[in-house]
PDB file of N, CA and C in Angstrom:
ATOM      1  N   MET A   1       0.817  -1.199   0.000  1.00  0.00           N
ATOM      2  CA  MET A   1       0.000   0.000   0.000  1.00  0.00           C
ATOM      3  C   MET A   1       0.854   1.253   0.000  1.00  0.00           C
ATOM      4  N   ASP A   2       1.961   1.230   0.778  1.00  0.00           N
ATOM      5  CA  ASP A   2       2.851   2.387   0.835  1.00  0.00           C
ATOM      6  C   ASP A   2       3.513   2.648  -0.512  1.00  0.00           C
ATOM      7  N   GLU A   3       3.831   1.579  -1.222  1.00  0.00           N
ATOM      8  CA  GLU A   3       4.471   1.742  -2.520  1.00  0.00           C
ATOM      9  C   GLU A   3       3.529   2.419  -3.516  1.00  0.00           C
ATOM     10  N   ILE A   4       2.246   2.095  -3.454  1.00  0.00           N
ATOM     11  CA  ILE A   4       1.260   2.705  -4.348  1.00  0.00           C
ATOM     12  C   ILE A   4       1.156   4.198  -4.057  1.00  0.00           C
ATOM     13  N   LEU A   5       1.153   4.582  -2.790  1.00  0.00           N
ATOM     14  CA  LEU A   5       1.088   5.994  -2.416  1.00  0.00           C
ATOM     15  C   LEU A   5       2.328   6.746  -2.908  1.00  0.00           C
ATOM     16  N   ILE A   6       3.474   6.118  -2.800  1.00  0.00           N
ATOM     17  CA  ILE A   6       4.708   6.741  -3.263  1.00  0.00           C
ATOM     18  C   ILE A   6       4.675   6.922  -4.778  1.00  0.00           C
ATOM     19  N   ILE A   7       4.184   5.921  -5.490  1.00  0.00           N
ATOM     20  CA  ILE A   7       4.085   6.004  -6.952  1.00  0.00           C
ATOM     21  C   ILE A   7       3.099   7.092  -7.354  1.00  0.00           C
ATOM     22  N   VAL A   8       1.949   7.149  -6.702  1.00  0.00           N
ATOM     23  CA  VAL A   8       0.934   8.174  -7.008  1.00  0.00           C
ATOM     24  C   VAL A   8       1.487   9.566  -6.713  1.00  0.00           C
ATOM     25  N   ALA A   9       2.159   9.716  -5.573  1.00  0.00           N
ATOM     26  CA  ALA A   9       2.757  11.004  -5.222  1.00  0.00           C
ATOM     27  C   ALA A   9       3.816  11.393  -6.250  1.00  0.00           C
ATOM     28  N   GLY A  10       4.597  10.449  -6.711  1.00  0.00           N
ATOM     29  CA  GLY A  10       5.607  10.716  -7.740  1.00  0.00           C
ATOM     30  C   GLY A  10       4.984  11.157  -9.043  1.00  0.00           C
ATOM     31  N   ILE A  11       3.909  10.486  -9.437  1.00  0.00           N
ATOM     32  CA  ILE A  11       3.208  10.849 -10.681  1.00  0.00           C
ATOM     33  C   ILE A  11       2.627  12.255 -10.568  1.00  0.00           C
ATOM     34  N   ILE A  12       2.026  12.562  -9.423  1.00  0.00           N
ATOM     35  CA  ILE A  12       1.464  13.903  -9.211  1.00  0.00           C
ATOM     36  C   ILE A  12       2.573  14.957  -9.259  1.00  0.00           C
ATOM     37  N   PHE A  13       3.699  14.671  -8.640  1.00  0.00           N
ATOM     38  CA  PHE A  13       4.824  15.609  -8.643  1.00  0.00           C
ATOM     39  C   PHE A  13       5.342  15.858 -10.057  1.00  0.00           C
ATOM     40  N   VAL A  14       5.500  14.781 -10.836  1.00  0.00           N
ATOM     41  CA  VAL A  14       5.989  14.914 -12.207  1.00  0.00           C
ATOM     42  C   VAL A  14       4.995  15.718 -13.046  1.00  0.00           C
ATOM     43  N   ALA A  15       3.698  15.425 -12.903  1.00  0.00           N
ATOM     44  CA  ALA A  15       2.678  16.160 -13.658  1.00  0.00           C
ATOM     45  C   ALA A  15       2.700  17.649 -13.283  1.00  0.00           C
ATOM     46  N   TYR A  16       2.801  17.942 -11.987  1.00  0.00           N
ATOM     47  CA  TYR A  16       2.858  19.331 -11.532  1.00  0.00           C
ATOM     48  C   TYR A  16       4.101  20.022 -12.098  1.00  0.00           C
ATOM     49  N   SER A  17       5.220  19.340 -12.096  1.00  0.00           N
ATOM     50  CA  SER A  17       6.466  19.913 -12.619  1.00  0.00           C
ATOM     51  C   SER A  17       6.344  20.226 -14.099  1.00  0.00           C
ATOM     52  N   ILE A  18       5.711  19.339 -14.840  1.00  0.00           N
ATOM     53  CA  ILE A  18       5.523  19.567 -16.279  1.00  0.00           C
ATOM     54  C   ILE A  18       4.651  20.793 -16.513  1.00  0.00           C
ATOM     55  N   PHE A  19       3.519  20.887 -15.808  1.00  0.00           N
ATOM     56  CA  PHE A  19       2.628  22.031 -15.982  1.00  0.00           C
ATOM     57  C   PHE A  19       3.293  23.335 -15.533  1.00  0.00           C
ATOM     58  N   ALA A  20       4.062  23.287 -14.462  1.00  0.00           N
ATOM     59  CA  ALA A  20       4.761  24.488 -13.998  1.00  0.00           C
ATOM     60  C   ALA A  20       5.797  24.934 -15.019  1.00  0.00           C
ATOM     61  N   THR A  21       6.507  24.001 -15.612  1.00  0.00           N
ATOM     62  CA  THR A  21       7.510  24.326 -16.626  1.00  0.00           C
ATOM     63  C   THR A  21       6.852  24.930 -17.862  1.00  0.00           C
ATOM     64  N   ILE A  22       5.739  24.363 -18.281  1.00  0.00           N
ATOM     65  CA  ILE A  22       5.002  24.902 -19.435  1.00  0.00           C
ATOM     66  C   ILE A  22       4.548  26.331 -19.137  1.00  0.00           C
ATOM     67  N   GLY A  23       4.053  26.568 -17.938  1.00  0.00           N
ATOM     68  CA  GLY A  23       3.619  27.905 -17.550  1.00  0.00           C
ATOM     69  C   GLY A  23       4.770  28.904 -17.554  1.00  0.00           C
ATOM     70  N   MET A  24       5.920  28.491 -17.072  1.00  0.00           N
ATOM     71  CA  MET A  24       7.085  29.384 -17.071  1.00  0.00           C
ATOM     72  C   MET A  24       7.553  29.690 -18.488  1.00  0.00           C
ATOM     73  N   ILE A  25       7.524  28.707 -19.360  1.00  0.00           N
ATOM     74  CA  ILE A  25       7.937  28.918 -20.750  1.00  0.00           C
ATOM     75  C   ILE A  25       6.991  29.904 -21.430  1.00  0.00           C
ATOM     76  N   LYS A  26       5.693  29.744 -21.224  1.00  0.00           N
ATOM     77  CA  LYS A  26       4.725  30.680 -21.802  1.00  0.00           C
ATOM     78  C   LYS A  26       4.942  32.094 -21.257  1.00  0.00           C
ATOM     79  N   GLY A  27       5.220  32.194 -19.976  1.00  0.00           N
ATOM     80  CA  GLY A  27       5.478  33.499 -19.368  1.00  0.00           C
ATOM     81  C   GLY A  27       6.723  34.155 -19.941  1.00  0.00           C
ATOM     82  N   MET A  28       7.757  33.370 -20.168  1.00  0.00           N
ATOM     83  CA  MET A  28       8.992  33.909 -20.746  1.00  0.00           C
ATOM     84  C   MET A  28       8.765  34.379 -22.183  1.00  0.00           C
ATOM     85  N   LYS A  29       7.954  33.644 -22.945  1.00  0.00           N
ATOM     86  CA  LYS A  29       7.655  34.052 -24.320  1.00  0.00           C
ATOM     87  C   LYS A  29       6.889  35.367 -24.333  1.00  0.00           C
ATOM     88  N   LYS A  30       5.940  35.523 -23.407  1.00  0.00           N
ATOM     89  CA  LYS A  30       5.193  36.783 -23.320  1.00  0.00           C
ATOM     90  C   LYS A  30       6.115  37.924 -22.937  1.00  0.00           C
ATOM     91  N   ALA A  31       7.019  37.691 -22.004  1.00  0.00           N
ATOM     92  CA  ALA A  31       7.956  38.730 -21.588  1.00  0.00           C
ATOM     93  C   ALA A  31       8.839  39.152 -22.763  1.00  0.00           C
ATOM     94  N   GLU A  32       9.296  38.193 -23.554  1.00  0.00           N
ATOM     95  CA  GLU A  32      10.106  38.512 -24.730  1.00  0.00           C
ATOM     96  C   GLU A  32       9.302  39.326 -25.740  1.00  0.00           C
ATOM     97  N   LEU A  33       8.037  38.954 -25.938  1.00  0.00           N
ATOM     98  CA  LEU A  33       7.175  39.686 -26.870  1.00  0.00           C
ATOM     99  C   LEU A  33       6.978  41.120 -26.389  1.00  0.00           C
ATOM    100  N   TYR A  34       6.683  41.308 -25.101  1.00  0.00           N
ATOM    101  CA  TYR A  34       6.475  42.651 -24.565  1.00  0.00           C
ATOM    102  C   TYR A  34       7.753  43.478 -24.630  1.00  0.00           C
ATOM    103  N   THR A  35       8.900  42.845 -24.441  1.00  0.00           N
ATOM    104  CA  THR A  35      10.173  43.554 -24.563  1.00  0.00           C
ATOM    105  C   THR A  35      10.382  44.018 -25.991  1.00  0.00           C
ATOM    106  N   GLU A  36      10.064  43.164 -26.940  1.00  0.00           N
ATOM    107  CA  GLU A  36      10.201  43.532 -28.350  1.00  0.00           C
ATOM    108  C   GLU A  36       9.261  44.679 -28.708  1.00  0.00           C
ATOM    109  N   ILE A  37       8.027  44.617 -28.234  1.00  0.00           N
ATOM    110  CA  ILE A  37       7.065  45.697 -28.487  1.00  0.00           C
ATOM    111  C   ILE A  37       7.571  47.002 -27.876  1.00  0.00           C
ATOM    112  N   PHE A  38       8.052  46.944 -26.637  1.00  0.00           N
ATOM    113  CA  PHE A  38       8.568  48.132 -25.965  1.00  0.00           C
ATOM    114  C   PHE A  38       9.746  48.718 -26.735  1.00  0.00           C
ATOM    115  N   ASN A  39      10.653  47.873 -27.194  1.00  0.00           N
ATOM    116  CA  ASN A  39      11.807  48.364 -27.948  1.00  0.00           C
ATOM    117  C   ASN A  39      11.388  49.019 -29.258  1.00  0.00           C
ATOM    118  N   ASN A  40      10.369  48.467 -29.927  1.00  0.00           N
ATOM    119  CA  ASN A  40       9.862  49.076 -31.157  1.00  0.00           C
ATOM    120  C   ASN A  40       9.243  50.441 -30.873  1.00  0.00           C
ATOM    121  N   ILE A  41       8.488  50.538 -29.792  1.00  0.00           N
ATOM    122  CA  ILE A  41       7.892  51.825 -29.417  1.00  0.00           C
ATOM    123  C   ILE A  41       8.990  52.828 -29.087  1.00  0.00           C
ATOM    124  N   LYS A  42      10.015  52.366 -28.392  1.00  0.00           N
ATOM    125  CA  LYS A  42      11.132  53.238 -28.039  1.00  0.00           C
ATOM    126  C   LYS A  42      11.805  53.781 -29.293  1.00  0.00           C
ATOM    127  N   LEU A  43      12.073  52.916 -30.273  1.00  0.00           N
ATOM    128  CA  LEU A  43      12.698  53.360 -31.519  1.00  0.00           C
ATOM    129  C   LEU A  43      11.830  54.389 -32.242  1.00  0.00           C
ATOM    130  N   LYS A  44      10.533  54.128 -32.304  1.00  0.00           N
ATOM    131  CA  LYS A  44       9.625  55.049 -32.991  1.00  0.00           C
ATOM    132  C   LYS A  44       9.534  56.381 -32.257  1.00  0.00           C
ATOM    133  N   ALA A  45       9.516  56.350 -30.931  1.00  0.00           N
ATOM    134  CA  ALA A  45       9.465  57.595 -30.152  1.00  0.00           C
ATOM    135  C   ALA A  45      10.749  58.392 -30.353  1.00  0.00           C
ATOM    136  N   ASN A  46      11.887  57.720 -30.358  1.00  0.00           N
ATOM    137  CA  ASN A  46      13.160  58.417 -30.598  1.00  0.00           C
ATOM    138  C   ASN A  46      13.189  59.039 -31.990  1.00  0.00           C
ATOM    139  N   ARG A  47      12.733  58.278 -32.982  1.00  0.00           N
ATOM    140  CA  ARG A  47      12.705  58.781 -34.358  1.00  0.00           C
ATOM    141  C   ARG A  47      11.751  59.979 -34.480  1.00  0.00           C
ATOM    142  N   ALA A  48      10.598  59.885 -33.836  1.00  0.00           N
ATOM    143  CA  ALA A  48       9.641  60.987 -33.882  1.00  0.00           C
ATOM    144  C   ALA A  48      10.224  62.236 -33.231  1.00  0.00           C
ATOM    145  N   GLN A  49      10.910  62.052 -32.100  1.00  0.00           N
ATOM    146  CA  GLN A  49      11.519  63.205 -31.430  1.00  0.00           C
ATOM    147  C   GLN A  49      12.592  63.834 -32.301  1.00  0.00           C
ATOM    148  N   GLU A  50      13.411  63.019 -32.945  1.00  0.00           N
ATOM    149  CA  GLU A  50      14.455  63.549 -33.826  1.00  0.00           C
ATOM    150  C   GLU A  50      13.852  64.320 -34.995  1.00  0.00           C
ATOM    151  N   GLU A  51      12.791  63.776 -35.591  1.00  0.00           N
ATOM    152  CA  GLU A  51      12.162  64.441 -36.729  1.00  0.00           C
ATOM    153  C   GLU A  51      11.463  65.728 -36.302  1.00  0.00           C
ATOM    154  N   MET A  52      10.820  65.718 -35.143  1.00  0.00           N
ATOM    155  CA  MET A  52      10.164  66.929 -34.644  1.00  0.00           C
ATOM    156  C   MET A  52      11.207  68.004 -34.351  1.00  0.00           C
ATOM    157  N   THR A  53      12.334  67.597 -33.786  1.00  0.00           N
ATOM    158  CA  THR A  53      13.407  68.553 -33.501  1.00  0.00           C
ATOM    159  C   THR A  53      13.981  69.111 -34.799  1.00  0.00           C
ATOM    160  N   ALA A  54      14.155  68.266 -35.807  1.00  0.00           N
ATOM    161  CA  ALA A  54      14.681  68.725 -37.099  1.00  0.00           C
ATOM    162  C   ALA A  54      13.731  69.727 -37.747  1.00  0.00           C
ATOM    163  N   VAL A  55      12.452  69.468 -37.704  1.00  0.00           N
ATOM    164  CA  VAL A  55      11.473  70.383 -38.286  1.00  0.00           C
ATOM    165  C   VAL A  55      11.463  71.693 -37.504  1.00  0.00           C
ATOM    166  N   ASP A  56      11.593  71.582 -36.200  1.00  0.00           N
ATOM    167  CA  ASP A  56      11.541  72.764 -35.343  1.00  0.00           C
ATOM    168  C   ASP A  56      12.749  73.670 -35.566  1.00  0.00           C
ATOM    169  N   THR A  57      13.911  73.101 -35.898  1.00  0.00           N
ATOM    170  CA  THR A  57      15.106  73.926 -36.109  1.00  0.00           C
ATOM    171  C   THR A  57      15.001  74.782 -37.357  1.00  0.00           C
ATOM    172  N   LEU A  58      14.147  74.400 -38.289  1.00  0.00           N
ATOM    173  CA  LEU A  58      13.961  75.201 -39.491  1.00  0.00           C
ATOM    174  C   LEU A  58      13.142  76.456 -39.204  1.00  0.00           C
ATOM    175  N   GLY A  59      12.477  76.493 -38.056  1.00  0.00           N
ATOM    176  CA  GLY A  59      11.661  77.650 -37.706  1.00  0.00           C
ATOM    177  C   GLY A  59      10.405  77.745 -38.544  1.00  0.00           C
ATOM    178  N   ALA A  60       9.931  76.628 -39.042  1.00  0.00           N
ATOM    179  CA  ALA A  60       8.768  76.625 -39.921  1.00  0.00           C
ATOM    180  C   ALA A  60       7.470  76.909 -39.177  1.00  0.00           C
ATOM    181  N   PHE A  61       7.465  76.678 -37.885  1.00  0.00           N
ATOM    182  CA  PHE A  61       6.238  76.855 -37.126  1.00  0.00           C
ATOM    183  C   PHE A  61       6.440  77.956 -36.086  1.00  0.00           C
ATOM    184  N   GLU A  62       5.521  78.861 -36.050  1.00  0.00           N
ATOM    185  CA  GLU A  62       5.546  79.921 -35.034  1.00  0.00           C
ATOM    186  C   GLU A  62       4.491  79.593 -33.990  1.00  0.00           C
ATOM    187  N   ALA A  63       4.823  79.809 -32.747  1.00  0.00           N
ATOM    188  CA  ALA A  63       3.921  79.452 -31.650  1.00  0.00           C
ATOM    189  C   ALA A  63       2.696  80.352 -31.588  1.00  0.00           C
ATOM    190  N   ASP A  64       2.699  81.474 -32.295  1.00  0.00           N
ATOM    191  CA  ASP A  64       1.575  82.400 -32.182  1.00  0.00           C
ATOM    192  C   ASP A  64       0.402  82.055 -33.096  1.00  0.00           C
ATOM    193  N   ASP A  65       0.539  81.083 -33.988  1.00  0.00           N
ATOM    194  CA  ASP A  65      -0.609  80.676 -34.797  1.00  0.00           C
ATOM    195  C   ASP A  65      -1.090  79.292 -34.352  1.00  0.00           C
ATOM    196  N   ASP A  66      -2.232  78.879 -34.875  1.00  0.00           N
ATOM    197  CA  ASP A  66      -2.846  77.614 -34.452  1.00  0.00           C
ATOM    198  C   ASP A  66      -1.970  76.407 -34.807  1.00  0.00           C
ATOM    199  N   VAL A  67      -1.374  76.422 -35.992  1.00  0.00           N
ATOM    200  CA  VAL A  67      -0.537  75.308 -36.412  1.00  0.00           C
ATOM    201  C   VAL A  67       0.697  75.217 -35.514  1.00  0.00           C
ATOM    202  N   GLY A  68       1.290  76.351 -35.220  1.00  0.00           N
ATOM    203  CA  GLY A  68       2.464  76.369 -34.349  1.00  0.00           C
ATOM    204  C   GLY A  68       2.134  75.900 -32.944  1.00  0.00           C
ATOM    205  N   ALA A  69       0.977  76.296 -32.438  1.00  0.00           N
ATOM    206  CA  ALA A  69       0.559  75.856 -31.099  1.00  0.00           C
ATOM    207  C   ALA A  69       0.327  74.351 -31.089  1.00  0.00           C
ATOM    208  N   ALA A  70      -0.302  73.824 -32.140  1.00  0.00           N
ATOM    209  CA  ALA A  70      -0.531  72.373 -32.229  1.00  0.00           C
ATOM    210  C   ALA A  70       0.801  71.643 -32.342  1.00  0.00           C
ATOM    211  N   PHE A  71       1.718  72.190 -33.148  1.00  0.00           N
ATOM    212  CA  PHE A  71       3.044  71.574 -33.290  1.00  0.00           C
ATOM    213  C   PHE A  71       3.763  71.541 -31.943  1.00  0.00           C
ATOM    214  N   ASP A  72       3.730  72.645 -31.216  1.00  0.00           N
ATOM    215  CA  ASP A  72       4.384  72.702 -29.909  1.00  0.00           C
ATOM    216  C   ASP A  72       3.791  71.682 -28.946  1.00  0.00           C
ATOM    217  N   GLU A  73       2.468  71.514 -28.984  1.00  0.00           N
ATOM    218  CA  GLU A  73       1.812  70.548 -28.097  1.00  0.00           C
ATOM    219  C   GLU A  73       2.209  69.118 -28.469  1.00  0.00           C
ATOM    220  N   ILE A  74       2.210  68.811 -29.758  1.00  0.00           N
ATOM    221  CA  ILE A  74       2.613  67.467 -30.207  1.00  0.00           C
ATOM    222  C   ILE A  74       4.076  67.211 -29.853  1.00  0.00           C
ATOM    223  N   LYS A  75       4.935  68.193 -30.085  1.00  0.00           N
ATOM    224  CA  LYS A  75       6.353  68.044 -29.749  1.00  0.00           C
ATOM    225  C   LYS A  75       6.535  67.833 -28.251  1.00  0.00           C
ATOM    226  N   SER A  76       5.764  68.522 -27.452  1.00  0.00           N
ATOM    227  CA  SER A  76       5.843  68.355 -25.995  1.00  0.00           C
ATOM    228  C   SER A  76       5.440  66.938 -25.593  1.00  0.00           C
ATOM    229  N   ILE A  77       4.396  66.417 -26.212  1.00  0.00           N
ATOM    230  CA  ILE A  77       3.936  65.057 -25.904  1.00  0.00           C
ATOM    231  C   ILE A  77       4.988  64.028 -26.329  1.00  0.00           C
ATOM    232  N   VAL A  78       5.559  64.212 -27.510  1.00  0.00           N
ATOM    233  CA  VAL A  78       6.594  63.290 -27.997  1.00  0.00           C
ATOM    234  C   VAL A  78       7.818  63.346 -27.076  1.00  0.00           C
ATOM    235  N   ASP A  79       8.209  64.548 -26.672  1.00  0.00           N
ATOM    236  CA  ASP A  79       9.352  64.687 -25.760  1.00  0.00           C
ATOM    237  C   ASP A  79       9.076  63.998 -24.430  1.00  0.00           C
ATOM    238  N   GLU A  80       7.875  64.194 -23.905  1.00  0.00           N
ATOM    239  CA  GLU A  80       7.509  63.569 -22.629  1.00  0.00           C
ATOM    240  C   GLU A  80       7.507  62.048 -22.743  1.00  0.00           C
ATOM    241  N   LEU A  81       6.943  61.524 -23.820  1.00  0.00           N
ATOM    242  CA  LEU A  81       6.938  60.076 -24.050  1.00  0.00           C
ATOM    243  C   LEU A  81       8.359  59.546 -24.165  1.00  0.00           C
ATOM    244  N   ASN A  82       9.196  60.238 -24.907  1.00  0.00           N
ATOM    245  CA  ASN A  82      10.574  59.796 -25.090  1.00  0.00           C
ATOM    246  C   ASN A  82      11.327  59.821 -23.760  1.00  0.00           C
ATOM    247  N   ASN A  83      11.138  60.852 -22.977  1.00  0.00           N
ATOM    248  CA  ASN A  83      11.790  60.922 -21.665  1.00  0.00           C
ATOM    249  C   ASN A  83      11.318  59.785 -20.764  1.00  0.00           C
ATOM    250  N   TYR A  84      10.028  59.496 -20.796  1.00  0.00           N
ATOM    251  CA  TYR A  84       9.477  58.417 -19.976  1.00  0.00           C
ATOM    252  C   TYR A  84      10.053  57.069 -20.392  1.00  0.00           C
ATOM    253  N   ILE A  85      10.096  56.822 -21.685  1.00  0.00           N
ATOM    254  CA  ILE A  85      10.606  55.549 -22.182  1.00  0.00           C
ATOM    255  C   ILE A  85      12.075  55.390 -21.820  1.00  0.00           C
ATOM    256  N   ASN A  86      12.868  56.424 -22.009  1.00  0.00           N
ATOM    257  CA  ASN A  86      14.290  56.330 -21.708  1.00  0.00           C
ATOM    258  C   ASN A  86      14.534  56.203 -20.199  1.00  0.00           C
ATOM    259  N   THR A  87      13.703  56.849 -19.388  1.00  0.00           N
ATOM    260  CA  THR A  87      13.824  56.722 -17.933  1.00  0.00           C
ATOM    261  C   THR A  87      13.472  55.311 -17.506  1.00  0.00           C
ATOM    262  N   GLU A  88      12.405  54.729 -18.065  1.00  0.00           N
ATOM    263  CA  GLU A  88      11.995  53.370 -17.727  1.00  0.00           C
ATOM    264  C   GLU A  88      13.079  52.373 -18.109  1.00  0.00           C
ATOM    265  N   THR A  89      13.756  52.595 -19.220  1.00  0.00           N
ATOM    266  CA  THR A  89      14.814  51.695 -19.665  1.00  0.00           C
ATOM    267  C   THR A  89      15.992  51.739 -18.679  1.00  0.00           C
ATOM    268  N   ILE A  90      16.339  52.930 -18.221  1.00  0.00           N
ATOM    269  CA  ILE A  90      17.460  53.086 -17.308  1.00  0.00           C
ATOM    270  C   ILE A  90      17.147  52.439 -15.959  1.00  0.00           C
ATOM    271  N   ASP A  91      15.893  52.565 -15.473  1.00  0.00           N
ATOM    272  CA  ASP A  91      15.520  52.033 -14.172  1.00  0.00           C
ATOM    273  C   ASP A  91      15.566  50.521 -14.134  1.00  0.00           C
ATOM    274  N   GLU A  92      15.383  49.859 -15.260  1.00  0.00           N
ATOM    275  CA  GLU A  92      15.385  48.404 -15.282  1.00  0.00           C
ATOM    276  C   GLU A  92      16.775  47.962 -15.155  1.00  0.00           C
TER     277      GLU A  92
END
């Protein structure tokens, strides 16, 4: 009787280990996917900030008109996003 209990306990342990390993593998794949998505967003935010800065250096937009005010607001949002992304990367 004791041998049967030991065998059953062993089978349960092996099954639990298999399911736990599968769960960890799925979690690692999701983490890799989210890291890739974050890195893509980071690249796009950096590129957007560079392009906004390049356009701004030409002086094409004046802050006193509606287009210039909208440009300044968009540039501010892009700068804030870029700062947040770069800060989050450094903290990790």
